[in-house]
Amino acid sequence: MNWLWDHAVLLAFLVALVVVLVALAVLLLRGLRLYRTVRRAAGAVSEGARALSDDVQRVADAAQGIPERQAEIAAAVEDLQHRAAALGVLTRHALAAQRILLGPLRYMGR
């Protein structure tokens, strides 16, 4: 028992050293677990960011194509107007031809 009292400082240092080493080991394990968790979360976030970036690029490309599509639609509407005008002319001529061809039937009593 006398040896314990004679070497109390050394024993206190050894006990403190063991406590500090255990605390460092626990801290190291927790830090490693935290690093792995952060790395997995960063991977998931980067995948989401990549998908979002792809969607933004797709929308930007579609937005750039809108003026071209508007020009195509305007050209199609103009072509449709020309065809409608031509169809109107043909319809008027067909009605006039029908009246001319059916004119003699009125005189015959039908």
C-alpha atoms as a PDB file:
ATOM      1  CA  MET A   1       0.000   0.000   0.000  1.00  0.00           C
ATOM      2  CA  ASN A   2       2.926   2.243   0.614  1.00  0.00           C
ATOM      3  CA  TRP A   3       3.987   1.863  -3.037  1.00  0.00           C
ATOM      4  CA  LEU A   4       0.648   3.342  -4.209  1.00  0.00           C
ATOM      5  CA  TRP A   5       1.153   6.439  -2.125  1.00  0.00           C
ATOM      6  CA  ASP A   6       4.722   6.811  -3.225  1.00  0.00           C
ATOM      7  CA  HIS A   7       3.817   6.645  -6.911  1.00  0.00           C
ATOM      8  CA  ALA A   8       0.434   8.436  -6.806  1.00  0.00           C
ATOM      9  CA  VAL A   9       1.457  11.035  -9.389  1.00  0.00           C
ATOM     10  CA  LEU A  10       2.626   8.348 -11.793  1.00  0.00           C
ATOM     11  CA  LEU A  11      -0.573   6.347 -11.275  1.00  0.00           C
ATOM     12  CA  ALA A  12      -2.730   9.472 -11.749  1.00  0.00           C
ATOM     13  CA  PHE A  13      -0.834  10.227 -14.971  1.00  0.00           C
ATOM     14  CA  LEU A  14      -1.323   6.659 -16.254  1.00  0.00           C
ATOM     15  CA  VAL A  15      -5.043   6.703 -15.409  1.00  0.00           C
ATOM     16  CA  ALA A  16      -5.442  10.092 -17.116  1.00  0.00           C
ATOM     17  CA  LEU A  17      -3.461   8.806 -20.109  1.00  0.00           C
ATOM     18  CA  VAL A  18      -5.739   5.779 -20.441  1.00  0.00           C
ATOM     19  CA  VAL A  19      -8.836   7.980 -20.169  1.00  0.00           C
ATOM     20  CA  VAL A  20      -7.479  10.389 -22.791  1.00  0.00           C
ATOM     21  CA  LEU A  21      -6.523   7.519 -25.143  1.00  0.00           C
ATOM     22  CA  VAL A  22      -9.974   5.967 -24.789  1.00  0.00           C
ATOM     23  CA  ALA A  23     -11.584   9.352 -25.423  1.00  0.00           C
ATOM     24  CA  LEU A  24      -9.394   9.847 -28.519  1.00  0.00           C
ATOM     25  CA  ALA A  25     -10.314   6.377 -29.801  1.00  0.00           C
ATOM     26  CA  VAL A  26     -14.025   7.118 -29.328  1.00  0.00           C
ATOM     27  CA  LEU A  27     -13.561  10.495 -30.989  1.00  0.00           C
ATOM     28  CA  LEU A  28     -11.721   8.874 -33.904  1.00  0.00           C
ATOM     29  CA  LEU A  29     -14.481   6.288 -34.381  1.00  0.00           C
ATOM     30  CA  ARG A  30     -17.202   8.942 -34.244  1.00  0.00           C
ATOM     31  CA  GLY A  31     -15.276  11.151 -36.656  1.00  0.00           C
ATOM     32  CA  LEU A  32     -14.829   8.269 -39.093  1.00  0.00           C
ATOM     33  CA  ARG A  33     -18.542   7.454 -38.921  1.00  0.00           C
ATOM     34  CA  LEU A  34     -19.380  11.129 -39.449  1.00  0.00           C
ATOM     35  CA  TYR A  35     -16.993  11.321 -42.436  1.00  0.00           C
ATOM     36  CA  ARG A  36     -18.643   8.309 -44.076  1.00  0.00           C
ATOM     37  CA  THR A  37     -22.116   9.733 -43.482  1.00  0.00           C
ATOM     38  CA  VAL A  38     -21.149  13.110 -44.919  1.00  0.00           C
ATOM     39  CA  ARG A  39     -19.531  11.444 -47.936  1.00  0.00           C
ATOM     40  CA  ARG A  40     -22.697   9.409 -48.643  1.00  0.00           C
ATOM     41  CA  ALA A  41     -24.883  12.490 -48.212  1.00  0.00           C
ATOM     42  CA  ALA A  42     -22.620  14.497 -50.532  1.00  0.00           C
ATOM     43  CA  GLY A  43     -22.924  11.736 -53.137  1.00  0.00           C
ATOM     44  CA  ALA A  44     -26.712  11.788 -52.904  1.00  0.00           C
ATOM     45  CA  VAL A  45     -26.783  15.582 -53.100  1.00  0.00           C
ATOM     46  CA  SER A  46     -24.437  15.615 -56.083  1.00  0.00           C
ATOM     47  CA  GLU A  47     -26.679  13.099 -57.906  1.00  0.00           C
ATOM     48  CA  GLY A  48     -29.695  15.303 -57.197  1.00  0.00           C
ATOM     49  CA  ALA A  49     -27.797  18.403 -58.288  1.00  0.00           C
ATOM     50  CA  ARG A  50     -26.713  16.649 -61.482  1.00  0.00           C
ATOM     51  CA  ALA A  51     -30.322  15.643 -62.249  1.00  0.00           C
ATOM     52  CA  LEU A  52     -31.495  19.191 -61.517  1.00  0.00           C
ATOM     53  CA  SER A  53     -28.761  20.605 -63.754  1.00  0.00           C
ATOM     54  CA  ASP A  54     -29.849  18.269 -66.565  1.00  0.00           C
ATOM     55  CA  ASP A  55     -33.464  19.397 -66.149  1.00  0.00           C
ATOM     56  CA  VAL A  56     -32.438  23.061 -66.166  1.00  0.00           C
ATOM     57  CA  GLN A  57     -30.403  22.485 -69.338  1.00  0.00           C
ATOM     58  CA  ARG A  58     -33.348  20.700 -71.004  1.00  0.00           C
ATOM     59  CA  VAL A  59     -35.707  23.560 -70.096  1.00  0.00           C
ATOM     60  CA  ALA A  60     -33.182  26.146 -71.302  1.00  0.00           C
ATOM     61  CA  ASP A  61     -32.823  24.318 -74.625  1.00  0.00           C
ATOM     62  CA  ALA A  62     -36.598  24.158 -74.969  1.00  0.00           C
ATOM     63  CA  ALA A  63     -36.874  27.871 -74.147  1.00  0.00           C
ATOM     64  CA  GLN A  64     -34.318  28.704 -76.829  1.00  0.00           C
ATOM     65  CA  GLY A  65     -36.382  26.762 -79.356  1.00  0.00           C
ATOM     66  CA  ILE A  66     -39.572  28.736 -78.652  1.00  0.00           C
ATOM     67  CA  PRO A  67     -38.852  31.601 -81.127  1.00  0.00           C
ATOM     68  CA  GLU A  68     -38.094  29.082 -83.868  1.00  0.00           C
ATOM     69  CA  ARG A  69     -41.322  27.245 -83.143  1.00  0.00           C
ATOM     70  CA  GLN A  70     -43.243  30.519 -83.109  1.00  0.00           C
ATOM     71  CA  ALA A  71     -41.821  31.311 -86.540  1.00  0.00           C
ATOM     72  CA  GLU A  72     -42.847  27.846 -87.747  1.00  0.00           C
ATOM     73  CA  ILE A  73     -46.351  28.340 -86.331  1.00  0.00           C
ATOM     74  CA  ALA A  74     -46.619  31.775 -87.947  1.00  0.00           C
ATOM     75  CA  ALA A  75     -45.536  30.305 -91.287  1.00  0.00           C
ATOM     76  CA  ALA A  76     -48.056  27.467 -90.924  1.00  0.00           C
ATOM     77  CA  VAL A  77     -50.852  29.943 -90.082  1.00  0.00           C
ATOM     78  CA  GLU A  78     -49.937  32.097 -93.081  1.00  0.00           C
ATOM     79  CA  ASP A  79     -49.941  29.045 -95.347  1.00  0.00           C
ATOM     80  CA  LEU A  80     -53.316  28.013 -93.916  1.00  0.00           C
ATOM     81  CA  GLN A  81     -54.703  31.499 -94.603  1.00  0.00           C
ATOM     82  CA  HIS A  82     -53.535  31.300 -98.227  1.00  0.00           C
ATOM     83  CA  ARG A  83     -55.125  27.881 -98.631  1.00  0.00           C
ATOM     84  CA  ALA A  84     -58.353  29.114 -97.035  1.00  0.00           C
ATOM     85  CA  ALA A  85     -58.407  32.064 -99.440  1.00  0.00           C
ATOM     86  CA  ALA A  86     -57.820  29.730-102.386  1.00  0.00           C
ATOM     87  CA  LEU A  87     -60.563  27.412-101.120  1.00  0.00           C
ATOM     88  CA  GLY A  88     -62.910  30.412-100.844  1.00  0.00           C
ATOM     89  CA  VAL A  89     -62.212  31.332-104.461  1.00  0.00           C
ATOM     90  CA  LEU A  90     -62.784  27.736-105.561  1.00  0.00           C
ATOM     91  CA  THR A  91     -66.012  27.578-103.569  1.00  0.00           C
ATOM     92  CA  ARG A  92     -67.329  30.783-105.159  1.00  0.00           C
ATOM     93  CA  HIS A  93     -66.487  29.489-108.619  1.00  0.00           C
ATOM     94  CA  ALA A  94     -68.072  26.104-107.866  1.00  0.00           C
ATOM     95  CA  LEU A  95     -71.269  27.815-106.665  1.00  0.00           C
ATOM     96  CA  ALA A  96     -71.327  30.022-109.761  1.00  0.00           C
ATOM     97  CA  ALA A  97     -70.815  26.958-111.976  1.00  0.00           C
ATOM     98  CA  GLN A  98     -73.591  25.121-110.144  1.00  0.00           C
ATOM     99  CA  ARG A  99     -75.982  28.034-110.684  1.00  0.00           C
ATOM    100  CA  ILE A 100     -75.081  28.204-114.360  1.00  0.00           C
ATOM    101  CA  LEU A 101     -75.430  24.461-114.875  1.00  0.00           C
ATOM    102  CA  LEU A 102     -78.678  24.193-112.926  1.00  0.00           C
ATOM    103  CA  GLY A 103     -80.132  27.357-114.530  1.00  0.00           C
ATOM    104  CA  PRO A 104     -81.848  25.576-117.438  1.00  0.00           C
ATOM    105  CA  LEU A 105     -83.625  23.243-115.009  1.00  0.00           C
ATOM    106  CA  ARG A 106     -85.500  26.240-113.551  1.00  0.00           C
ATOM    107  CA  TYR A 107     -86.861  27.042-116.972  1.00  0.00           C
ATOM    108  CA  MET A 108     -87.930  23.440-117.546  1.00  0.00           C
ATOM    109  CA  GLY A 109     -90.147  23.413-114.504  1.00  0.00           C
ATOM    110  CA  ARG A 110     -88.069  21.669-111.968  1.00  0.00           C
END
